[in-house]
Amino acid sequence: MADDTRTITQEQWQHAELIWEYHRMHHPARPCDVAVALGCNDIGVAEHAAERYHSGLFPLLVFTGGNSPSTAGVFPRGEAVHFRERALALGVPDASILVETKASNTGQNITYSHAALLADGVLPDSVLLLCMPYMERRAYATARKQWPDVEVVCSSAPLGLRDYAKRAGDAGAVIDMMVGDLQRVIEYPRIGFAIEQEVPQPVRDAYDSLVASGFDSRLIQR
């Protein structure tokens, strides 16, 4: 990401941190039959997947994702391809990795990964979803809708918002993306993409304030 050029006020940070904590599912780490790492523009997801693999939480890992406008320049050969290469470099054996290279959104990440596992003869009862921290809740809601017969556990890098934004290099863009993810948590159940989830009023108020402040580049245009 490019360096952030926006000045973020203390109040905006407070609102963003409230939304950040809402997005985190805070699931305890536990073993699952398989893991699915969702493609994105953050190679840290692949690194977290490797760490969780070496912790013994799952025997088989699916990397899913082709390209989107926000990732084509970062991962020109596709998100899953680059994620696999990073995991291999971190010691995950190739025999423990499946690669799905066609998905271009979160719903496809879930359904295409399910299909790839079925094609490999794997019928899991539990799935560890690995993703960016602010994407946990939307990934969970999508998986519960699109793959309802498995238990879903979420995991992401254990970072606070400010540390994550510093690593990303563009705090404004991170806030834009997590605001966009919250909009999808709210809107997607109405069109059948995800299960309904309660959004506490303070989180909704923080969302409204950040949108009004211009953190709106990732919103769905109605």
C-alpha atoms as a PDB file:
ATOM      1  CA  MET A   1       0.000   0.000   0.000  1.00  0.00           C
ATOM      2  CA  ALA A   2       1.076   3.582  -0.522  1.00  0.00           C
ATOM      3  CA  ASP A   3       1.842   5.820   2.452  1.00  0.00           C
ATOM      4  CA  ASP A   4      -1.271   7.318   4.020  1.00  0.00           C
ATOM      5  CA  THR A   5      -1.808  10.996   3.248  1.00  0.00           C
ATOM      6  CA  ARG A   6      -4.853  11.555   5.462  1.00  0.00           C
ATOM      7  CA  THR A   7      -4.697  12.938   8.979  1.00  0.00           C
ATOM      8  CA  ILE A   8      -6.666  10.614  11.265  1.00  0.00           C
ATOM      9  CA  THR A   9      -8.021  12.237  14.406  1.00  0.00           C
ATOM     10  CA  GLN A  10      -8.061  10.587  17.803  1.00  0.00           C
ATOM     11  CA  GLU A  11     -11.853  10.292  17.613  1.00  0.00           C
ATOM     12  CA  GLN A  12     -11.586   8.554  14.230  1.00  0.00           C
ATOM     13  CA  TRP A  13      -9.023   6.127  15.645  1.00  0.00           C
ATOM     14  CA  GLN A  14     -11.381   5.361  18.517  1.00  0.00           C
ATOM     15  CA  HIS A  15     -14.252   4.684  16.130  1.00  0.00           C
ATOM     16  CA  ALA A  16     -12.025   2.540  13.913  1.00  0.00           C
ATOM     17  CA  GLU A  17     -10.735   0.519  16.856  1.00  0.00           C
ATOM     18  CA  LEU A  18     -14.310  -0.184  17.969  1.00  0.00           C
ATOM     19  CA  ILE A  19     -15.112  -1.554  14.509  1.00  0.00           C
ATOM     20  CA  TRP A  20     -11.810  -3.480  14.432  1.00  0.00           C
ATOM     21  CA  GLU A  21     -12.689  -5.287  17.651  1.00  0.00           C
ATOM     22  CA  TYR A  22     -16.175  -6.055  16.354  1.00  0.00           C
ATOM     23  CA  HIS A  23     -14.710  -7.662  13.239  1.00  0.00           C
ATOM     24  CA  ARG A  24     -12.477  -9.942  15.308  1.00  0.00           C
ATOM     25  CA  MET A  25     -14.386 -13.087  16.280  1.00  0.00           C
ATOM     26  CA  HIS A  26     -11.989 -13.960  19.142  1.00  0.00           C
ATOM     27  CA  HIS A  27     -12.416 -17.694  18.579  1.00  0.00           C
ATOM     28  CA  PRO A  28     -10.117 -19.806  20.754  1.00  0.00           C
ATOM     29  CA  ALA A  29      -7.484 -21.665  18.734  1.00  0.00           C
ATOM     30  CA  ARG A  30      -8.485 -25.299  18.262  1.00  0.00           C
ATOM     31  CA  PRO A  31      -7.661 -28.128  15.854  1.00  0.00           C
ATOM     32  CA  CYS A  32      -9.794 -28.390  12.701  1.00  0.00           C
ATOM     33  CA  ASP A  33     -10.006 -30.930   9.893  1.00  0.00           C
ATOM     34  CA  VAL A  34      -8.795 -28.430   7.274  1.00  0.00           C
ATOM     35  CA  ALA A  35      -7.894 -24.756   6.955  1.00  0.00           C
ATOM     36  CA  VAL A  36      -8.921 -22.333   4.220  1.00  0.00           C
ATOM     37  CA  ALA A  37      -6.790 -19.216   3.750  1.00  0.00           C
ATOM     38  CA  LEU A  38      -8.679 -16.483   1.932  1.00  0.00           C
ATOM     39  CA  GLY A  39      -6.853 -14.595  -0.799  1.00  0.00           C
ATOM     40  CA  CYS A  40      -6.335 -10.858  -0.365  1.00  0.00           C
ATOM     41  CA  ASN A  41      -3.603  -8.234  -0.726  1.00  0.00           C
ATOM     42  CA  ASP A  42      -1.917  -9.186   2.573  1.00  0.00           C
ATOM     43  CA  ILE A  43       0.824 -11.840   2.427  1.00  0.00           C
ATOM     44  CA  GLY A  44       0.581 -11.934   6.212  1.00  0.00           C
ATOM     45  CA  VAL A  45      -2.387 -14.277   5.806  1.00  0.00           C
ATOM     46  CA  ALA A  46      -0.087 -16.880   4.239  1.00  0.00           C
ATOM     47  CA  GLU A  47       2.449 -16.345   7.021  1.00  0.00           C
ATOM     48  CA  HIS A  48      -0.226 -16.778   9.681  1.00  0.00           C
ATOM     49  CA  ALA A  49      -1.424 -19.926   7.899  1.00  0.00           C
ATOM     50  CA  ALA A  50       2.101 -21.367   8.025  1.00  0.00           C
ATOM     51  CA  GLU A  51       2.374 -20.556  11.732  1.00  0.00           C
ATOM     52  CA  ARG A  52      -0.964 -22.226  12.456  1.00  0.00           C
ATOM     53  CA  TYR A  53       0.041 -25.273  10.389  1.00  0.00           C
ATOM     54  CA  HIS A  54       3.260 -25.673  12.366  1.00  0.00           C
ATOM     55  CA  SER A  55       1.211 -25.360  15.557  1.00  0.00           C
ATOM     56  CA  GLY A  56      -0.562 -28.566  14.528  1.00  0.00           C
ATOM     57  CA  LEU A  57      -4.034 -27.089  14.155  1.00  0.00           C
ATOM     58  CA  PHE A  58      -4.790 -28.758  10.794  1.00  0.00           C
ATOM     59  CA  PRO A  59      -3.236 -31.266   8.374  1.00  0.00           C
ATOM     60  CA  LEU A  60      -4.455 -29.753   5.093  1.00  0.00           C
ATOM     61  CA  LEU A  61      -4.487 -26.141   3.909  1.00  0.00           C
ATOM     62  CA  VAL A  62      -6.404 -24.628   0.993  1.00  0.00           C
ATOM     63  CA  PHE A  63      -5.177 -21.357  -0.474  1.00  0.00           C
ATOM     64  CA  THR A  64      -7.968 -19.741  -2.454  1.00  0.00           C
ATOM     65  CA  GLY A  65      -8.004 -16.688  -4.710  1.00  0.00           C
ATOM     66  CA  GLY A  66      -7.300 -15.552  -8.232  1.00  0.00           C
ATOM     67  CA  ASN A  67      -7.078 -11.820  -8.763  1.00  0.00           C
ATOM     68  CA  SER A  68      -9.126  -8.715  -8.097  1.00  0.00           C
ATOM     69  CA  PRO A  69      -8.457  -5.087  -9.030  1.00  0.00           C
ATOM     70  CA  SER A  70      -6.830  -4.521  -5.620  1.00  0.00           C
ATOM     71  CA  THR A  71      -4.504  -7.546  -5.782  1.00  0.00           C
ATOM     72  CA  ALA A  72      -3.489  -7.941  -9.441  1.00  0.00           C
ATOM     73  CA  GLY A  73      -0.584  -5.536  -9.068  1.00  0.00           C
ATOM     74  CA  VAL A  74       0.604  -7.140  -5.822  1.00  0.00           C
ATOM     75  CA  PHE A  75       0.181 -10.805  -6.773  1.00  0.00           C
ATOM     76  CA  PRO A  76       0.231 -10.908 -10.604  1.00  0.00           C
ATOM     77  CA  ARG A  77       0.133 -14.716 -10.765  1.00  0.00           C
ATOM     78  CA  GLY A  78      -2.857 -14.885  -8.432  1.00  0.00           C
ATOM     79  CA  GLU A  79      -3.336 -14.629  -4.690  1.00  0.00           C
ATOM     80  CA  ALA A  80      -3.380 -18.360  -3.968  1.00  0.00           C
ATOM     81  CA  VAL A  81      -0.266 -19.000  -6.056  1.00  0.00           C
ATOM     82  CA  HIS A  82       1.767 -16.385  -4.193  1.00  0.00           C
ATOM     83  CA  PHE A  83       0.372 -17.483  -0.827  1.00  0.00           C
ATOM     84  CA  ARG A  84       1.389 -21.083  -1.530  1.00  0.00           C
ATOM     85  CA  GLU A  85       4.900 -20.004  -2.426  1.00  0.00           C
ATOM     86  CA  ARG A  86       5.228 -18.059   0.818  1.00  0.00           C
ATOM     87  CA  ALA A  87       3.935 -21.007   2.846  1.00  0.00           C
ATOM     88  CA  LEU A  88       6.391 -23.360   1.139  1.00  0.00           C
ATOM     89  CA  ALA A  89       9.219 -20.959   1.967  1.00  0.00           C
ATOM     90  CA  LEU A  90       8.087 -21.108   5.601  1.00  0.00           C
ATOM     91  CA  GLY A  91       8.267 -24.891   5.682  1.00  0.00           C
ATOM     92  CA  VAL A  92       4.709 -26.034   4.945  1.00  0.00           C
ATOM     93  CA  PRO A  93       5.022 -29.216   2.844  1.00  0.00           C
ATOM     94  CA  ASP A  94       3.552 -29.090  -0.641  1.00  0.00           C
ATOM     95  CA  ALA A  95       1.621 -32.309   0.043  1.00  0.00           C
ATOM     96  CA  SER A  96      -0.363 -30.434   2.709  1.00  0.00           C
ATOM     97  CA  ILE A  97      -1.507 -27.659   0.345  1.00  0.00           C
ATOM     98  CA  LEU A  98      -4.372 -27.400  -2.133  1.00  0.00           C
ATOM     99  CA  VAL A  99      -4.587 -24.367  -4.406  1.00  0.00           C
ATOM    100  CA  GLU A 100      -7.810 -22.868  -5.771  1.00  0.00           C
ATOM    101  CA  THR A 101      -7.089 -20.116  -8.308  1.00  0.00           C
ATOM    102  CA  LYS A 102     -10.467 -18.965  -9.673  1.00  0.00           C
ATOM    103  CA  ALA A 103     -12.250 -17.262  -6.769  1.00  0.00           C
ATOM    104  CA  SER A 104     -12.625 -13.497  -7.036  1.00  0.00           C
ATOM    105  CA  ASN A 105     -14.770 -12.780  -3.965  1.00  0.00           C
ATOM    106  CA  THR A 106     -15.363 -14.190  -0.491  1.00  0.00           C
ATOM    107  CA  GLY A 107     -18.404 -16.257  -1.448  1.00  0.00           C
ATOM    108  CA  GLN A 108     -16.410 -17.921  -4.209  1.00  0.00           C
ATOM    109  CA  ASN A 109     -13.485 -18.440  -1.822  1.00  0.00           C
ATOM    110  CA  ILE A 110     -15.805 -20.541   0.323  1.00  0.00           C
ATOM    111  CA  THR A 111     -17.745 -22.427  -2.357  1.00  0.00           C
ATOM    112  CA  TYR A 112     -14.746 -23.094  -4.599  1.00  0.00           C
ATOM    113  CA  SER A 113     -12.647 -24.299  -1.663  1.00  0.00           C
ATOM    114  CA  HIS A 114     -15.452 -26.645  -0.663  1.00  0.00           C
ATOM    115  CA  ALA A 115     -15.544 -27.991  -4.224  1.00  0.00           C
ATOM    116  CA  ALA A 116     -11.753 -28.407  -4.330  1.00  0.00           C
ATOM    117  CA  LEU A 117     -11.813 -30.418  -1.126  1.00  0.00           C
ATOM    118  CA  LEU A 118     -14.636 -32.616  -2.385  1.00  0.00           C
ATOM    119  CA  ALA A 119     -12.693 -33.245  -5.590  1.00  0.00           C
ATOM    120  CA  ASP A 120      -9.770 -34.359  -3.425  1.00  0.00           C
ATOM    121  CA  GLY A 121     -12.016 -36.688  -1.436  1.00  0.00           C
ATOM    122  CA  VAL A 122     -12.002 -34.554   1.715  1.00  0.00           C
ATOM    123  CA  LEU A 123     -15.274 -34.023   3.632  1.00  0.00           C
ATOM    124  CA  PRO A 124     -14.395 -31.959   6.701  1.00  0.00           C
ATOM    125  CA  ASP A 125     -16.550 -31.463   9.758  1.00  0.00           C
ATOM    126  CA  SER A 126     -14.620 -28.377  10.864  1.00  0.00           C
ATOM    127  CA  VAL A 127     -12.810 -25.604   8.974  1.00  0.00           C
ATOM    128  CA  LEU A 128     -10.328 -23.038  10.228  1.00  0.00           C
ATOM    129  CA  LEU A 129     -10.804 -19.829   8.219  1.00  0.00           C
ATOM    130  CA  LEU A 130      -7.606 -17.781   7.931  1.00  0.00           C
ATOM    131  CA  CYS A 131      -7.953 -14.189   6.800  1.00  0.00           C
ATOM    132  CA  MET A 132      -7.115 -10.564   7.527  1.00  0.00           C
ATOM    133  CA  PRO A 133      -8.121  -9.477  11.056  1.00  0.00           C
ATOM    134  CA  TYR A 134     -10.867  -7.104   9.957  1.00  0.00           C
ATOM    135  CA  MET A 135     -12.330  -9.726   7.633  1.00  0.00           C
ATOM    136  CA  GLU A 136     -13.005 -12.416  10.250  1.00  0.00           C
ATOM    137  CA  ARG A 137     -16.659 -11.634  10.904  1.00  0.00           C
ATOM    138  CA  ARG A 138     -17.620 -11.325   7.240  1.00  0.00           C
ATOM    139  CA  ALA A 139     -15.722 -14.509   6.381  1.00  0.00           C
ATOM    140  CA  TYR A 140     -17.474 -16.322   9.213  1.00  0.00           C
ATOM    141  CA  ALA A 141     -20.916 -15.061   8.184  1.00  0.00           C
ATOM    142  CA  THR A 142     -20.272 -16.048   4.561  1.00  0.00           C
ATOM    143  CA  ALA A 143     -19.046 -19.538   5.432  1.00  0.00           C
ATOM    144  CA  ARG A 144     -21.987 -20.211   7.743  1.00  0.00           C
ATOM    145  CA  LYS A 145     -24.333 -19.348   4.876  1.00  0.00           C
ATOM    146  CA  GLN A 146     -22.488 -20.965   1.973  1.00  0.00           C
ATOM    147  CA  TRP A 147     -21.140 -24.029   3.810  1.00  0.00           C
ATOM    148  CA  PRO A 148     -23.633 -24.600   6.653  1.00  0.00           C
ATOM    149  CA  ASP A 149     -22.755 -28.214   7.446  1.00  0.00           C
ATOM    150  CA  VAL A 150     -19.264 -27.495   8.835  1.00  0.00           C
ATOM    151  CA  GLU A 151     -18.153 -25.931  12.087  1.00  0.00           C
ATOM    152  CA  VAL A 152     -16.328 -22.665  11.333  1.00  0.00           C
ATOM    153  CA  VAL A 153     -13.492 -21.267  13.406  1.00  0.00           C
ATOM    154  CA  CYS A 154     -11.746 -18.002  12.468  1.00  0.00           C
ATOM    155  CA  SER A 155      -8.129 -17.019  12.961  1.00  0.00           C
ATOM    156  CA  SER A 156      -5.977 -14.058  11.950  1.00  0.00           C
ATOM    157  CA  ALA A 157      -2.717 -12.404  12.910  1.00  0.00           C
ATOM    158  CA  PRO A 158      -2.888 -11.244  16.565  1.00  0.00           C
ATOM    159  CA  LEU A 159      -2.393  -7.541  15.855  1.00  0.00           C
ATOM    160  CA  GLY A 160      -4.135  -4.425  17.054  1.00  0.00           C
ATOM    161  CA  LEU A 161      -5.438  -1.929  14.520  1.00  0.00           C
ATOM    162  CA  ARG A 162      -2.571   0.545  14.831  1.00  0.00           C
ATOM    163  CA  ASP A 163       0.091  -2.133  14.502  1.00  0.00           C
ATOM    164  CA  TYR A 164      -1.700  -3.629  11.520  1.00  0.00           C
ATOM    165  CA  ALA A 165      -2.104  -0.229   9.871  1.00  0.00           C
ATOM    166  CA  LYS A 166       1.584   0.542  10.456  1.00  0.00           C
ATOM    167  CA  ARG A 167       2.565  -2.739   8.822  1.00  0.00           C
ATOM    168  CA  ALA A 168       0.224  -2.096   5.898  1.00  0.00           C
ATOM    169  CA  GLY A 169       1.655   1.387   5.408  1.00  0.00           C
ATOM    170  CA  ASP A 170      -1.668   3.130   4.791  1.00  0.00           C
ATOM    171  CA  ALA A 171      -3.889   3.582   7.833  1.00  0.00           C
ATOM    172  CA  GLY A 172      -6.572   5.404   5.858  1.00  0.00           C
ATOM    173  CA  ALA A 173      -6.903   2.559   3.380  1.00  0.00           C
ATOM    174  CA  VAL A 174      -7.155   0.008   6.199  1.00  0.00           C
ATOM    175  CA  ILE A 175      -9.968   1.998   7.801  1.00  0.00           C
ATOM    176  CA  ASP A 176     -11.685   2.314   4.414  1.00  0.00           C
ATOM    177  CA  MET A 177     -11.563  -1.467   3.983  1.00  0.00           C
ATOM    178  CA  MET A 178     -12.823  -2.336   7.438  1.00  0.00           C
ATOM    179  CA  VAL A 179     -15.680   0.172   7.055  1.00  0.00           C
ATOM    180  CA  GLY A 180     -16.514  -1.510   3.750  1.00  0.00           C
ATOM    181  CA  ASP A 181     -16.451  -4.923   5.401  1.00  0.00           C
ATOM    182  CA  LEU A 182     -18.858  -3.719   8.090  1.00  0.00           C
ATOM    183  CA  GLN A 183     -21.268  -2.480   5.432  1.00  0.00           C
ATOM    184  CA  ARG A 184     -21.184  -5.961   3.901  1.00  0.00           C
ATOM    185  CA  VAL A 185     -21.801  -7.599   7.283  1.00  0.00           C
ATOM    186  CA  ILE A 186     -24.929  -5.452   7.517  1.00  0.00           C
ATOM    187  CA  GLU A 187     -26.129  -5.679   3.904  1.00  0.00           C
ATOM    188  CA  TYR A 188     -25.195  -9.144   2.643  1.00  0.00           C
ATOM    189  CA  PRO A 189     -27.696 -11.165   4.707  1.00  0.00           C
ATOM    190  CA  ARG A 190     -30.520  -9.324   2.918  1.00  0.00           C
ATOM    191  CA  ILE A 191     -29.378 -10.685  -0.437  1.00  0.00           C
ATOM    192  CA  GLY A 192     -28.536 -14.184   0.756  1.00  0.00           C
ATOM    193  CA  PHE A 193     -24.735 -13.939   0.810  1.00  0.00           C
ATOM    194  CA  ALA A 194     -24.229 -14.347   4.563  1.00  0.00           C
ATOM    195  CA  ILE A 195     -25.972 -15.075   7.835  1.00  0.00           C
ATOM    196  CA  GLU A 196     -27.431 -12.225   9.886  1.00  0.00           C
ATOM    197  CA  GLN A 197     -25.297 -10.962  12.754  1.00  0.00           C
ATOM    198  CA  GLU A 198     -26.070  -8.475  15.481  1.00  0.00           C
ATOM    199  CA  VAL A 199     -24.281  -5.157  15.090  1.00  0.00           C
ATOM    200  CA  PRO A 200     -24.283  -3.232  18.379  1.00  0.00           C
ATOM    201  CA  GLN A 201     -25.449   0.372  18.181  1.00  0.00           C
ATOM    202  CA  PRO A 202     -22.063   1.842  19.207  1.00  0.00           C
ATOM    203  CA  VAL A 203     -20.487  -0.005  16.273  1.00  0.00           C
ATOM    204  CA  ARG A 204     -23.155   1.337  13.907  1.00  0.00           C
ATOM    205  CA  ASP A 205     -22.593   4.852  15.259  1.00  0.00           C
ATOM    206  CA  ALA A 206     -18.835   4.514  14.706  1.00  0.00           C
ATOM    207  CA  TYR A 207     -19.497   3.307  11.172  1.00  0.00           C
ATOM    208  CA  ASP A 208     -21.802   6.255  10.402  1.00  0.00           C
ATOM    209  CA  SER A 209     -19.249   8.716  11.761  1.00  0.00           C
ATOM    210  CA  LEU A 210     -16.368   7.299   9.717  1.00  0.00           C
ATOM    211  CA  VAL A 211     -18.441   7.219   6.530  1.00  0.00           C
ATOM    212  CA  ALA A 212     -19.444  10.843   7.123  1.00  0.00           C
ATOM    213  CA  SER A 213     -15.737  11.646   7.582  1.00  0.00           C
ATOM    214  CA  GLY A 214     -14.911  10.270   4.135  1.00  0.00           C
ATOM    215  CA  PHE A 215     -13.790   6.712   4.862  1.00  0.00           C
ATOM    216  CA  ASP A 216     -16.052   5.430   2.120  1.00  0.00           C
ATOM    217  CA  SER A 217     -13.945   4.257  -0.806  1.00  0.00           C
ATOM    218  CA  ARG A 218     -14.758   0.571  -0.215  1.00  0.00           C
ATOM    219  CA  LEU A 219     -18.515   0.963   0.199  1.00  0.00           C
ATOM    220  CA  ILE A 220     -20.955  -0.833  -2.069  1.00  0.00           C
ATOM    221  CA  GLN A 221     -22.634   1.768  -4.232  1.00  0.00           C
ATOM    222  CA  ARG A 222     -26.409   1.326  -4.137  1.00  0.00           C
END
